[in-house]
Amino acid sequence: MDRPTEDRWHKFEALGAKAVRQNIASKVYGEQNRRLAEAWLEHKATLAAHESGLRNDDSSREQIRIALSAKNAAWIAAIAAIVAAIAAVIAVYPSLYPWTP
Protein backbone atom coordinates (compact mmCIF):
# COMPACT_ATOMS: atom_id res chain seq x y z
CA MET A 1 0.00 0.00 0.00
CA ASP A 2 1.45 3.39 -0.94
CA ARG A 3 1.84 6.22 1.57
CA PRO A 4 -1.13 8.39 0.41
CA THR A 5 -3.46 5.37 0.57
CA GLU A 6 -2.14 4.48 4.00
CA ASP A 7 -2.67 8.06 5.20
CA ARG A 8 -6.21 8.02 3.84
CA TRP A 9 -6.95 4.71 5.59
CA HIS A 10 -5.73 6.24 8.87
CA LYS A 11 -8.18 9.10 8.33
CA PHE A 12 -10.97 6.61 7.65
CA GLU A 13 -9.99 4.77 10.82
CA ALA A 14 -10.19 8.00 12.80
CA LEU A 15 -13.66 8.72 11.38
CA GLY A 16 -14.97 5.22 11.93
CA ALA A 17 -16.91 2.91 9.65
CA LYS A 18 -20.29 4.51 10.28
CA ALA A 19 -19.09 8.01 9.34
CA VAL A 20 -17.26 6.70 6.26
CA ARG A 21 -20.43 4.94 5.08
CA GLN A 22 -22.41 8.13 5.62
CA ASN A 23 -19.82 10.14 3.68
CA ILE A 24 -19.98 7.67 0.80
CA ALA A 25 -23.78 7.84 0.78
CA SER A 26 -23.65 11.64 0.92
CA LYS A 27 -21.12 11.70 -1.94
CA VAL A 28 -18.62 13.63 0.19
CA TYR A 29 -15.68 11.80 -1.36
CA GLY A 30 -14.44 12.14 -4.91
CA GLU A 31 -14.19 9.05 -7.09
CA GLN A 32 -10.71 8.03 -5.94
CA ASN A 33 -11.43 8.59 -2.24
CA ARG A 34 -14.76 6.80 -2.58
CA ARG A 35 -12.97 3.75 -3.99
CA LEU A 36 -10.40 3.92 -1.18
CA ALA A 37 -13.18 4.25 1.39
CA GLU A 38 -15.02 1.25 -0.05
CA ALA A 39 -11.79 -0.76 -0.08
CA TRP A 40 -11.18 0.24 3.55
CA LEU A 41 -14.72 -0.80 4.54
CA GLU A 42 -14.26 -4.12 2.74
CA HIS A 43 -10.94 -4.62 4.53
CA LYS A 44 -12.61 -3.89 7.89
CA ALA A 45 -15.41 -6.34 7.09
CA THR A 46 -12.88 -9.03 6.17
CA LEU A 47 -11.00 -8.48 9.43
CA ALA A 48 -14.24 -8.63 11.42
CA ALA A 49 -15.25 -11.86 9.70
CA HIS A 50 -11.82 -13.36 10.38
CA GLU A 51 -11.97 -12.37 14.06
CA SER A 52 -15.47 -13.78 14.30
CA GLY A 53 -14.19 -17.03 12.81
CA LEU A 54 -11.43 -17.15 15.39
CA ARG A 55 -13.94 -16.64 18.18
CA ASN A 56 -16.06 -19.42 16.68
CA ASP A 57 -13.01 -21.69 16.57
CA ASP A 58 -12.31 -20.97 20.23
CA SER A 59 -15.95 -21.59 21.07
CA SER A 60 -15.93 -24.86 19.12
CA ARG A 61 -12.79 -26.02 20.91
CA GLU A 62 -14.38 -25.21 24.26
CA GLN A 63 -17.57 -27.08 23.32
CA ILE A 64 -15.52 -30.12 22.28
CA ARG A 65 -13.56 -29.98 25.55
CA ILE A 66 -16.79 -29.83 27.56
CA ALA A 67 -18.32 -32.70 25.57
CA LEU A 68 -15.23 -34.87 26.12
CA SER A 69 -15.31 -34.07 29.82
CA ALA A 70 -18.99 -35.05 29.99
CA LYS A 71 -18.26 -38.27 28.12
CA ASN A 72 -15.48 -39.14 30.56
CA ALA A 73 -17.77 -38.40 33.51
CA ALA A 74 -20.45 -40.67 32.01
CA TRP A 75 -17.94 -43.52 31.64
CA ILE A 76 -16.81 -43.09 35.24
CA ALA A 77 -20.42 -43.15 36.43
CA ALA A 78 -21.14 -46.28 34.37
CA ILE A 79 -18.09 -48.07 35.77
CA ALA A 80 -19.05 -47.04 39.31
CA ALA A 81 -22.57 -48.43 38.74
CA ILE A 82 -21.16 -51.74 37.51
CA VAL A 83 -18.85 -52.00 40.53
CA ALA A 84 -21.79 -51.19 42.84
CA ALA A 85 -23.93 -53.86 41.16
CA ILE A 86 -21.17 -56.46 41.56
CA ALA A 87 -20.72 -55.48 45.22
CA ALA A 88 -24.48 -55.80 45.79
CA VAL A 89 -24.55 -59.26 44.24
CA ILE A 90 -21.61 -60.35 46.40
CA ALA A 91 -23.29 -58.94 49.51
CA VAL A 92 -26.67 -60.59 48.83
CA TYR A 93 -25.37 -63.96 47.63
CA PRO A 94 -24.52 -65.40 51.08
CA SER A 95 -28.00 -64.60 52.41
CA LEU A 96 -29.63 -66.38 49.47
CA TYR A 97 -27.32 -69.37 49.46
CA PRO A 98 -25.91 -69.89 52.93
CA TRP A 99 -22.69 -71.86 53.11
CA THR A 100 -22.80 -74.88 55.34
CA PRO A 101 -19.75 -77.09 55.83
PDB file of N, CA and C in Angstrom:
ATOM      1  N   MET A   1       0.856  -1.161   0.000  1.00  0.00           N
ATOM      2  CA  MET A   1       0.000   0.000   0.000  1.00  0.00           C
ATOM      3  C   MET A   1       0.908   1.231   0.000  1.00  0.00           C
ATOM      4  N   ASP A   2       0.614   2.181  -0.870  1.00  0.00           N
ATOM      5  CA  ASP A   2       1.448   3.390  -0.936  1.00  0.00           C
ATOM      6  C   ASP A   2       1.107   4.346   0.213  1.00  0.00           C
ATOM      7  N   ARG A   3       1.962   5.313   0.422  1.00  0.00           N
ATOM      8  CA  ARG A   3       1.836   6.218   1.568  1.00  0.00           C
ATOM      9  C   ARG A   3       0.533   7.034   1.549  1.00  0.00           C
ATOM     10  N   PRO A   4       0.130   7.628   0.401  1.00  0.00           N
ATOM     11  CA  PRO A   4      -1.130   8.388   0.411  1.00  0.00           C
ATOM     12  C   PRO A   4      -2.346   7.513   0.758  1.00  0.00           C
ATOM     13  N   THR A   5      -2.354   6.288   0.259  1.00  0.00           N
ATOM     14  CA  THR A   5      -3.455   5.373   0.568  1.00  0.00           C
ATOM     15  C   THR A   5      -3.447   5.046   2.050  1.00  0.00           C
ATOM     16  N   GLU A   6      -2.264   4.792   2.581  1.00  0.00           N
ATOM     17  CA  GLU A   6      -2.143   4.482   3.999  1.00  0.00           C
ATOM     18  C   GLU A   6      -2.620   5.657   4.862  1.00  0.00           C
ATOM     19  N   ASP A   7      -2.227   6.867   4.468  1.00  0.00           N
ATOM     20  CA  ASP A   7      -2.672   8.065   5.197  1.00  0.00           C
ATOM     21  C   ASP A   7      -4.196   8.185   5.154  1.00  0.00           C
ATOM     22  N   ARG A   8      -4.763   7.918   3.988  1.00  0.00           N
ATOM     23  CA  ARG A   8      -6.212   8.022   3.841  1.00  0.00           C
ATOM     24  C   ARG A   8      -6.913   6.997   4.729  1.00  0.00           C
ATOM     25  N   TRP A   9      -6.356   5.766   4.768  1.00  0.00           N
ATOM     26  CA  TRP A   9      -6.950   4.714   5.594  1.00  0.00           C
ATOM     27  C   TRP A   9      -6.897   5.102   7.072  1.00  0.00           C
ATOM     28  N   HIS A  10      -5.818   5.765   7.486  1.00  0.00           N
ATOM     29  CA  HIS A  10      -5.731   6.236   8.869  1.00  0.00           C
ATOM     30  C   HIS A  10      -6.835   7.266   9.147  1.00  0.00           C
ATOM     31  N   LYS A  11      -7.101   8.121   8.157  1.00  0.00           N
ATOM     32  CA  LYS A  11      -8.185   9.099   8.333  1.00  0.00           C
ATOM     33  C   LYS A  11      -9.536   8.407   8.418  1.00  0.00           C
ATOM     34  N   PHE A  12      -9.731   7.381   7.587  1.00  0.00           N
ATOM     35  CA  PHE A  12     -10.974   6.607   7.648  1.00  0.00           C
ATOM     36  C   PHE A  12     -11.103   5.943   9.026  1.00  0.00           C
ATOM     37  N   GLU A  13      -9.992   5.419   9.510  1.00  0.00           N
ATOM     38  CA  GLU A  13      -9.990   4.767  10.819  1.00  0.00           C
ATOM     39  C   GLU A  13     -10.392   5.756  11.915  1.00  0.00           C
ATOM     40  N   ALA A  14      -9.868   6.972  11.810  1.00  0.00           N
ATOM     41  CA  ALA A  14     -10.194   8.001  12.799  1.00  0.00           C
ATOM     42  C   ALA A  14     -11.680   8.377  12.734  1.00  0.00           C
ATOM     43  N   LEU A  15     -12.236   8.395  11.531  1.00  0.00           N
ATOM     44  CA  LEU A  15     -13.659   8.717  11.378  1.00  0.00           C
ATOM     45  C   LEU A  15     -14.560   7.590  11.869  1.00  0.00           C
ATOM     46  N   GLY A  16     -14.147   6.378  11.577  1.00  0.00           N
ATOM     47  CA  GLY A  16     -14.968   5.223  11.931  1.00  0.00           C
ATOM     48  C   GLY A  16     -15.807   4.771  10.746  1.00  0.00           C
ATOM     49  N   ALA A  17     -16.190   3.515  10.772  1.00  0.00           N
ATOM     50  CA  ALA A  17     -16.907   2.911   9.647  1.00  0.00           C
ATOM     51  C   ALA A  17     -18.250   3.577   9.391  1.00  0.00           C
ATOM     52  N   LYS A  18     -18.959   3.910  10.447  1.00  0.00           N
ATOM     53  CA  LYS A  18     -20.290   4.507  10.282  1.00  0.00           C
ATOM     54  C   LYS A  18     -20.195   5.846   9.543  1.00  0.00           C
ATOM     55  N   ALA A  19     -19.255   6.696   9.972  1.00  0.00           N
ATOM     56  CA  ALA A  19     -19.094   8.009   9.337  1.00  0.00           C
ATOM     57  C   ALA A  19     -18.622   7.867   7.891  1.00  0.00           C
ATOM     58  N   VAL A  20     -17.743   6.915   7.636  1.00  0.00           N
ATOM     59  CA  VAL A  20     -17.265   6.703   6.261  1.00  0.00           C
ATOM     60  C   VAL A  20     -18.419   6.262   5.369  1.00  0.00           C
ATOM     61  N   ARG A  21     -19.263   5.369   5.869  1.00  0.00           N
ATOM     62  CA  ARG A  21     -20.434   4.942   5.079  1.00  0.00           C
ATOM     63  C   ARG A  21     -21.362   6.124   4.794  1.00  0.00           C
ATOM     64  N   GLN A  22     -21.559   6.945   5.817  1.00  0.00           N
ATOM     65  CA  GLN A  22     -22.408   8.126   5.624  1.00  0.00           C
ATOM     66  C   GLN A  22     -21.797   9.072   4.592  1.00  0.00           C
ATOM     67  N   ASN A  23     -20.489   9.263   4.641  1.00  0.00           N
ATOM     68  CA  ASN A  23     -19.817  10.137   3.678  1.00  0.00           C
ATOM     69  C   ASN A  23     -19.923   9.588   2.259  1.00  0.00           C
ATOM     70  N   ILE A  24     -19.818   8.273   2.130  1.00  0.00           N
ATOM     71  CA  ILE A  24     -19.977   7.669   0.798  1.00  0.00           C
ATOM     72  C   ILE A  24     -21.398   7.902   0.310  1.00  0.00           C
ATOM     73  N   ALA A  25     -22.378   7.660   1.168  1.00  0.00           N
ATOM     74  CA  ALA A  25     -23.783   7.843   0.780  1.00  0.00           C
ATOM     75  C   ALA A  25     -24.087   9.299   0.447  1.00  0.00           C
ATOM     76  N   SER A  26     -23.427  10.211   1.151  1.00  0.00           N
ATOM     77  CA  SER A  26     -23.651  11.643   0.917  1.00  0.00           C
ATOM     78  C   SER A  26     -22.793  12.194  -0.218  1.00  0.00           C
ATOM     79  N   LYS A  27     -22.009  11.328  -0.829  1.00  0.00           N
ATOM     80  CA  LYS A  27     -21.116  11.700  -1.938  1.00  0.00           C
ATOM     81  C   LYS A  27     -20.133  12.805  -1.532  1.00  0.00           C
ATOM     82  N   VAL A  28     -19.606  12.681  -0.311  1.00  0.00           N
ATOM     83  CA  VAL A  28     -18.621  13.631   0.190  1.00  0.00           C
ATOM     84  C   VAL A  28     -17.280  13.400  -0.495  1.00  0.00           C
ATOM     85  N   TYR A  29     -16.971  12.154  -0.776  1.00  0.00           N
ATOM     86  CA  TYR A  29     -15.680  11.805  -1.357  1.00  0.00           C
ATOM     87  C   TYR A  29     -15.732  11.894  -2.875  1.00  0.00           C
ATOM     88  N   GLY A  30     -14.584  12.225  -3.454  1.00  0.00           N
ATOM     89  CA  GLY A  30     -14.441  12.139  -4.908  1.00  0.00           C
ATOM     90  C   GLY A  30     -14.341  10.676  -5.311  1.00  0.00           C
ATOM     91  N   GLU A  31     -14.210  10.427  -6.583  1.00  0.00           N
ATOM     92  CA  GLU A  31     -14.192   9.050  -7.094  1.00  0.00           C
ATOM     93  C   GLU A  31     -13.061   8.229  -6.478  1.00  0.00           C
ATOM     94  N   GLN A  32     -11.864   8.778  -6.463  1.00  0.00           N
ATOM     95  CA  GLN A  32     -10.712   8.031  -5.940  1.00  0.00           C
ATOM     96  C   GLN A  32     -10.864   7.766  -4.439  1.00  0.00           C
ATOM     97  N   ASN A  33     -11.256   8.779  -3.680  1.00  0.00           N
ATOM     98  CA  ASN A  33     -11.430   8.587  -2.238  1.00  0.00           C
ATOM     99  C   ASN A  33     -12.602   7.663  -1.930  1.00  0.00           C
ATOM    100  N   ARG A  34     -13.632   7.709  -2.767  1.00  0.00           N
ATOM    101  CA  ARG A  34     -14.760   6.801  -2.578  1.00  0.00           C
ATOM    102  C   ARG A  34     -14.299   5.355  -2.728  1.00  0.00           C
ATOM    103  N   ARG A  35     -13.487   5.106  -3.781  1.00  0.00           N
ATOM    104  CA  ARG A  35     -12.972   3.748  -3.987  1.00  0.00           C
ATOM    105  C   ARG A  35     -12.081   3.318  -2.821  1.00  0.00           C
ATOM    106  N   LEU A  36     -11.242   4.236  -2.335  1.00  0.00           N
ATOM    107  CA  LEU A  36     -10.397   3.920  -1.182  1.00  0.00           C
ATOM    108  C   LEU A  36     -11.253   3.648   0.061  1.00  0.00           C
ATOM    109  N   ALA A  37     -12.295   4.443   0.237  1.00  0.00           N
ATOM    110  CA  ALA A  37     -13.184   4.252   1.386  1.00  0.00           C
ATOM    111  C   ALA A  37     -13.887   2.904   1.304  1.00  0.00           C
ATOM    112  N   GLU A  38     -14.359   2.541   0.124  1.00  0.00           N
ATOM    113  CA  GLU A  38     -15.022   1.251  -0.050  1.00  0.00           C
ATOM    114  C   GLU A  38     -14.044   0.105   0.179  1.00  0.00           C
ATOM    115  N   ALA A  39     -12.810   0.266  -0.307  1.00  0.00           N
ATOM    116  CA  ALA A  39     -11.786  -0.760  -0.075  1.00  0.00           C
ATOM    117  C   ALA A  39     -11.487  -0.884   1.416  1.00  0.00           C
ATOM    118  N   TRP A  40     -11.429   0.258   2.106  1.00  0.00           N
ATOM    119  CA  TRP A  40     -11.176   0.241   3.546  1.00  0.00           C
ATOM    120  C   TRP A  40     -12.318  -0.461   4.285  1.00  0.00           C
ATOM    121  N   LEU A  41     -13.563  -0.146   3.912  1.00  0.00           N
ATOM    122  CA  LEU A  41     -14.716  -0.804   4.539  1.00  0.00           C
ATOM    123  C   LEU A  41     -14.702  -2.307   4.282  1.00  0.00           C
ATOM    124  N   GLU A  42     -14.346  -2.700   3.076  1.00  0.00           N
ATOM    125  CA  GLU A  42     -14.265  -4.124   2.741  1.00  0.00           C
ATOM    126  C   GLU A  42     -13.177  -4.794   3.574  1.00  0.00           C
ATOM    127  N   HIS A  43     -12.043  -4.104   3.721  1.00  0.00           N
ATOM    128  CA  HIS A  43     -10.941  -4.620   4.532  1.00  0.00           C
ATOM    129  C   HIS A  43     -11.402  -4.799   5.987  1.00  0.00           C
ATOM    130  N   LYS A  44     -12.110  -3.806   6.518  1.00  0.00           N
ATOM    131  CA  LYS A  44     -12.615  -3.889   7.890  1.00  0.00           C
ATOM    132  C   LYS A  44     -13.591  -5.059   8.035  1.00  0.00           C
ATOM    133  N   ALA A  45     -14.446  -5.245   7.042  1.00  0.00           N
ATOM    134  CA  ALA A  45     -15.413  -6.344   7.087  1.00  0.00           C
ATOM    135  C   ALA A  45     -14.695  -7.692   7.057  1.00  0.00           C
ATOM    136  N   THR A  46     -13.657  -7.796   6.247  1.00  0.00           N
ATOM    137  CA  THR A  46     -12.881  -9.031   6.173  1.00  0.00           C
ATOM    138  C   THR A  46     -12.207  -9.326   7.503  1.00  0.00           C
ATOM    139  N   LEU A  47     -11.629  -8.293   8.118  1.00  0.00           N
ATOM    140  CA  LEU A  47     -10.999  -8.476   9.431  1.00  0.00           C
ATOM    141  C   LEU A  47     -12.022  -8.905  10.476  1.00  0.00           C
ATOM    142  N   ALA A  48     -13.192  -8.275  10.456  1.00  0.00           N
ATOM    143  CA  ALA A  48     -14.236  -8.625  11.417  1.00  0.00           C
ATOM    144  C   ALA A  48     -14.689 -10.068  11.229  1.00  0.00           C
ATOM    145  N   ALA A  49     -14.835 -10.482   9.976  1.00  0.00           N
ATOM    146  CA  ALA A  49     -15.245 -11.860   9.697  1.00  0.00           C
ATOM    147  C   ALA A  49     -14.176 -12.843  10.165  1.00  0.00           C
ATOM    148  N   HIS A  50     -12.921 -12.493   9.948  1.00  0.00           N
ATOM    149  CA  HIS A  50     -11.822 -13.356  10.382  1.00  0.00           C
ATOM    150  C   HIS A  50     -11.800 -13.474  11.906  1.00  0.00           C
ATOM    151  N   GLU A  51     -11.953 -12.351  12.592  1.00  0.00           N
ATOM    152  CA  GLU A  51     -11.969 -12.369  14.058  1.00  0.00           C
ATOM    153  C   GLU A  51     -13.162 -13.162  14.578  1.00  0.00           C
ATOM    154  N   SER A  52     -14.281 -13.019  13.908  1.00  0.00           N
ATOM    155  CA  SER A  52     -15.470 -13.776  14.301  1.00  0.00           C
ATOM    156  C   SER A  52     -15.218 -15.270  14.130  1.00  0.00           C
ATOM    157  N   GLY A  53     -14.545 -15.625  13.036  1.00  0.00           N
ATOM    158  CA  GLY A  53     -14.193 -17.030  12.807  1.00  0.00           C
ATOM    159  C   GLY A  53     -13.272 -17.557  13.883  1.00  0.00           C
ATOM    160  N   LEU A  54     -12.331 -16.735  14.324  1.00  0.00           N
ATOM    161  CA  LEU A  54     -11.430 -17.153  15.393  1.00  0.00           C
ATOM    162  C   LEU A  54     -12.193 -17.364  16.688  1.00  0.00           C
ATOM    163  N   ARG A  55     -13.137 -16.466  16.971  1.00  0.00           N
ATOM    164  CA  ARG A  55     -13.944 -16.644  18.181  1.00  0.00           C
ATOM    165  C   ARG A  55     -14.770 -17.924  18.068  1.00  0.00           C
ATOM    166  N   ASN A  56     -15.285 -18.196  16.874  1.00  0.00           N
ATOM    167  CA  ASN A  56     -16.060 -19.418  16.682  1.00  0.00           C
ATOM    168  C   ASN A  56     -15.179 -20.648  16.869  1.00  0.00           C
ATOM    169  N   ASP A  57     -13.933 -20.580  16.388  1.00  0.00           N
ATOM    170  CA  ASP A  57     -13.006 -21.688  16.570  1.00  0.00           C
ATOM    171  C   ASP A  57     -12.750 -21.926  18.049  1.00  0.00           C
ATOM    172  N   ASP A  58     -12.529 -20.845  18.792  1.00  0.00           N
ATOM    173  CA  ASP A  58     -12.306 -20.974  20.230  1.00  0.00           C
ATOM    174  C   ASP A  58     -13.536 -21.555  20.908  1.00  0.00           C
ATOM    175  N   SER A  59     -14.701 -21.092  20.500  1.00  0.00           N
ATOM    176  CA  SER A  59     -15.949 -21.593  21.071  1.00  0.00           C
ATOM    177  C   SER A  59     -16.120 -23.074  20.740  1.00  0.00           C
ATOM    178  N   SER A  60     -15.808 -23.460  19.522  1.00  0.00           N
ATOM    179  CA  SER A  60     -15.927 -24.864  19.118  1.00  0.00           C
ATOM    180  C   SER A  60     -14.979 -25.743  19.927  1.00  0.00           C
ATOM    181  N   ARG A  61     -13.751 -25.265  20.110  1.00  0.00           N
ATOM    182  CA  ARG A  61     -12.792 -26.024  20.909  1.00  0.00           C
ATOM    183  C   ARG A  61     -13.300 -26.199  22.337  1.00  0.00           C
ATOM    184  N   GLU A  62     -13.856 -25.141  22.897  1.00  0.00           N
ATOM    185  CA  GLU A  62     -14.377 -25.208  24.261  1.00  0.00           C
ATOM    186  C   GLU A  62     -15.560 -26.174  24.334  1.00  0.00           C
ATOM    187  N   GLN A  63     -16.435 -26.161  23.339  1.00  0.00           N
ATOM    188  CA  GLN A  63     -17.568 -27.076  23.323  1.00  0.00           C
ATOM    189  C   GLN A  63     -17.097 -28.528  23.227  1.00  0.00           C
ATOM    190  N   ILE A  64     -16.072 -28.761  22.411  1.00  0.00           N
ATOM    191  CA  ILE A  64     -15.522 -30.116  22.282  1.00  0.00           C
ATOM    192  C   ILE A  64     -14.908 -30.561  23.604  1.00  0.00           C
ATOM    193  N   ARG A  65     -14.183 -29.657  24.274  1.00  0.00           N
ATOM    194  CA  ARG A  65     -13.557 -29.983  25.552  1.00  0.00           C
ATOM    195  C   ARG A  65     -14.626 -30.343  26.586  1.00  0.00           C
ATOM    196  N   ILE A  66     -15.705 -29.563  26.615  1.00  0.00           N
ATOM    197  CA  ILE A  66     -16.789 -29.831  27.561  1.00  0.00           C
ATOM    198  C   ILE A  66     -17.458 -31.166  27.245  1.00  0.00           C
ATOM    199  N   ALA A  67     -17.685 -31.440  25.965  1.00  0.00           N
ATOM    200  CA  ALA A  67     -18.324 -32.697  25.569  1.00  0.00           C
ATOM    201  C   ALA A  67     -17.440 -33.892  25.952  1.00  0.00           C
ATOM    202  N   LEU A  68     -16.139 -33.784  25.746  1.00  0.00           N
ATOM    203  CA  LEU A  68     -15.232 -34.870  26.117  1.00  0.00           C
ATOM    204  C   LEU A  68     -15.229 -35.073  27.631  1.00  0.00           C
ATOM    205  N   SER A  69     -15.266 -33.977  28.367  1.00  0.00           N
ATOM    206  CA  SER A  69     -15.311 -34.071  29.823  1.00  0.00           C
ATOM    207  C   SER A  69     -16.598 -34.758  30.280  1.00  0.00           C
ATOM    208  N   ALA A  70     -17.714 -34.421  29.658  1.00  0.00           N
ATOM    209  CA  ALA A  70     -18.990 -35.053  29.991  1.00  0.00           C
ATOM    210  C   ALA A  70     -18.968 -36.541  29.638  1.00  0.00           C
ATOM    211  N   LYS A  71     -18.361 -36.869  28.515  1.00  0.00           N
ATOM    212  CA  LYS A  71     -18.261 -38.274  28.116  1.00  0.00           C
ATOM    213  C   LYS A  71     -17.439 -39.059  29.136  1.00  0.00           C
ATOM    214  N   ASN A  72     -16.320 -38.473  29.570  1.00  0.00           N
ATOM    215  CA  ASN A  72     -15.484 -39.141  30.564  1.00  0.00           C
ATOM    216  C   ASN A  72     -16.235 -39.317  31.883  1.00  0.00           C
ATOM    217  N   ALA A  73     -16.984 -38.304  32.280  1.00  0.00           N
ATOM    218  CA  ALA A  73     -17.771 -38.402  33.510  1.00  0.00           C
ATOM    219  C   ALA A  73     -18.829 -39.501  33.387  1.00  0.00           C
ATOM    220  N   ALA A  74     -19.440 -39.631  32.225  1.00  0.00           N
ATOM    221  CA  ALA A  74     -20.449 -40.674  32.007  1.00  0.00           C
ATOM    222  C   ALA A  74     -19.821 -42.060  32.105  1.00  0.00           C
ATOM    223  N   TRP A  75     -18.630 -42.229  31.545  1.00  0.00           N
ATOM    224  CA  TRP A  75     -17.937 -43.519  31.640  1.00  0.00           C
ATOM    225  C   TRP A  75     -17.605 -43.853  33.095  1.00  0.00           C
ATOM    226  N   ILE A  76     -17.136 -42.864  33.835  1.00  0.00           N
ATOM    227  CA  ILE A  76     -16.808 -43.088  35.243  1.00  0.00           C
ATOM    228  C   ILE A  76     -18.057 -43.486  36.019  1.00  0.00           C
ATOM    229  N   ALA A  77     -19.164 -42.808  35.759  1.00  0.00           N
ATOM    230  CA  ALA A  77     -20.419 -43.146  36.434  1.00  0.00           C
ATOM    231  C   ALA A  77     -20.876 -44.553  36.068  1.00  0.00           C
ATOM    232  N   ALA A  78     -20.729 -44.940  34.803  1.00  0.00           N
ATOM    233  CA  ALA A  78     -21.139 -46.276  34.366  1.00  0.00           C
ATOM    234  C   ALA A  78     -20.284 -47.346  35.041  1.00  0.00           C
ATOM    235  N   ILE A  79     -18.984 -47.108  35.118  1.00  0.00           N
ATOM    236  CA  ILE A  79     -18.090 -48.074  35.767  1.00  0.00           C
ATOM    237  C   ILE A  79     -18.420 -48.173  37.257  1.00  0.00           C
ATOM    238  N   ALA A  80     -18.679 -47.035  37.889  1.00  0.00           N
ATOM    239  CA  ALA A  80     -19.048 -47.045  39.314  1.00  0.00           C
ATOM    240  C   ALA A  80     -20.355 -47.818  39.519  1.00  0.00           C
ATOM    241  N   ALA A  81     -21.304 -47.691  38.628  1.00  0.00           N
ATOM    242  CA  ALA A  81     -22.570 -48.427  38.735  1.00  0.00           C
ATOM    243  C   ALA A  81     -22.335 -49.932  38.589  1.00  0.00           C
ATOM    244  N   ILE A  82     -21.466 -50.317  37.695  1.00  0.00           N
ATOM    245  CA  ILE A  82     -21.156 -51.744  37.510  1.00  0.00           C
ATOM    246  C   ILE A  82     -20.490 -52.305  38.758  1.00  0.00           C
ATOM    247  N   VAL A  83     -19.526 -51.561  39.307  1.00  0.00           N
ATOM    248  CA  VAL A  83     -18.849 -51.997  40.530  1.00  0.00           C
ATOM    249  C   VAL A  83     -19.854 -52.107  41.676  1.00  0.00           C
ATOM    250  N   ALA A  84     -20.762 -51.144  41.789  1.00  0.00           N
ATOM    251  CA  ALA A  84     -21.786 -51.187  42.843  1.00  0.00           C
ATOM    252  C   ALA A  84     -22.702 -52.389  42.659  1.00  0.00           C
ATOM    253  N   ALA A  85     -23.059 -52.706  41.419  1.00  0.00           N
ATOM    254  CA  ALA A  85     -23.927 -53.861  41.163  1.00  0.00           C
ATOM    255  C   ALA A  85     -23.221 -55.158  41.545  1.00  0.00           C
ATOM    256  N   ILE A  86     -21.944 -55.264  41.199  1.00  0.00           N
ATOM    257  CA  ILE A  86     -21.174 -56.465  41.559  1.00  0.00           C
ATOM    258  C   ILE A  86     -21.075 -56.588  43.084  1.00  0.00           C
ATOM    259  N   ALA A  87     -20.807 -55.454  43.754  1.00  0.00           N
ATOM    260  CA  ALA A  87     -20.716 -55.477  45.219  1.00  0.00           C
ATOM    261  C   ALA A  87     -22.052 -55.878  45.835  1.00  0.00           C
ATOM    262  N   ALA A  88     -23.158 -55.438  45.266  1.00  0.00           N
ATOM    263  CA  ALA A  88     -24.479 -55.795  45.788  1.00  0.00           C
ATOM    264  C   ALA A  88     -24.739 -57.286  45.621  1.00  0.00           C
ATOM    265  N   VAL A  89     -24.359 -57.827  44.486  1.00  0.00           N
ATOM    266  CA  VAL A  89     -24.548 -59.264  44.242  1.00  0.00           C
ATOM    267  C   VAL A  89     -23.717 -60.059  45.240  1.00  0.00           C
ATOM    268  N   ILE A  90     -22.484 -59.647  45.456  1.00  0.00           N
ATOM    269  CA  ILE A  90     -21.611 -60.351  46.402  1.00  0.00           C
ATOM    270  C   ILE A  90     -22.181 -60.261  47.817  1.00  0.00           C
ATOM    271  N   ALA A  91     -22.734 -59.109  48.172  1.00  0.00           N
ATOM    272  CA  ALA A  91     -23.288 -58.936  49.513  1.00  0.00           C
ATOM    273  C   ALA A  91     -24.557 -59.749  49.719  1.00  0.00           C
ATOM    274  N   VAL A  92     -25.385 -59.889  48.709  1.00  0.00           N
ATOM    275  CA  VAL A  92     -26.670 -60.586  48.830  1.00  0.00           C
ATOM    276  C   VAL A  92     -26.510 -62.098  48.665  1.00  0.00           C
ATOM    277  N   TYR A  93     -25.548 -62.538  47.940  1.00  0.00           N
ATOM    278  CA  TYR A  93     -25.374 -63.963  47.625  1.00  0.00           C
ATOM    279  C   TYR A  93     -25.344 -64.848  48.870  1.00  0.00           C
ATOM    280  N   PRO A  94     -24.548 -64.507  49.900  1.00  0.00           N
ATOM    281  CA  PRO A  94     -24.519 -65.402  51.079  1.00  0.00           C
ATOM    282  C   PRO A  94     -25.876 -65.527  51.776  1.00  0.00           C
ATOM    283  N   SER A  95     -26.692 -64.488  51.753  1.00  0.00           N
ATOM    284  CA  SER A  95     -27.997 -64.603  52.407  1.00  0.00           C
ATOM    285  C   SER A  95     -28.949 -65.461  51.596  1.00  0.00           C
ATOM    286  N   LEU A  96     -28.769 -65.530  50.305  1.00  0.00           N
ATOM    287  CA  LEU A  96     -29.627 -66.376  49.465  1.00  0.00           C
ATOM    288  C   LEU A  96     -29.172 -67.826  49.481  1.00  0.00           C
ATOM    289  N   TYR A  97     -27.884 -68.014  49.501  1.00  0.00           N
ATOM    290  CA  TYR A  97     -27.317 -69.370  49.458  1.00  0.00           C
ATOM    291  C   TYR A  97     -26.328 -69.509  50.601  1.00  0.00           C
ATOM    292  N   PRO A  98     -26.812 -69.790  51.783  1.00  0.00           N
ATOM    293  CA  PRO A  98     -25.907 -69.890  52.927  1.00  0.00           C
ATOM    294  C   PRO A  98     -24.919 -71.049  52.739  1.00  0.00           C
ATOM    295  N   TRP A  99     -23.740 -70.849  53.243  1.00  0.00           N
ATOM    296  CA  TRP A  99     -22.695 -71.863  53.108  1.00  0.00           C
ATOM    297  C   TRP A  99     -22.688 -72.700  54.375  1.00  0.00           C
ATOM    298  N   THR A 100     -22.838 -73.980  54.189  1.00  0.00           N
ATOM    299  CA  THR A 100     -22.803 -74.883  55.340  1.00  0.00           C
ATOM    300  C   THR A 100     -21.730 -75.944  55.080  1.00  0.00           C
ATOM    301  N   PRO A 101     -20.815 -76.080  56.033  1.00  0.00           N
ATOM    302  CA  PRO A 101     -19.752 -77.092  55.833  1.00  0.00           C
ATOM    303  C   PRO A 101     -20.204 -78.500  56.068  1.00  0.00           C
TER     304      PRO A 101
END
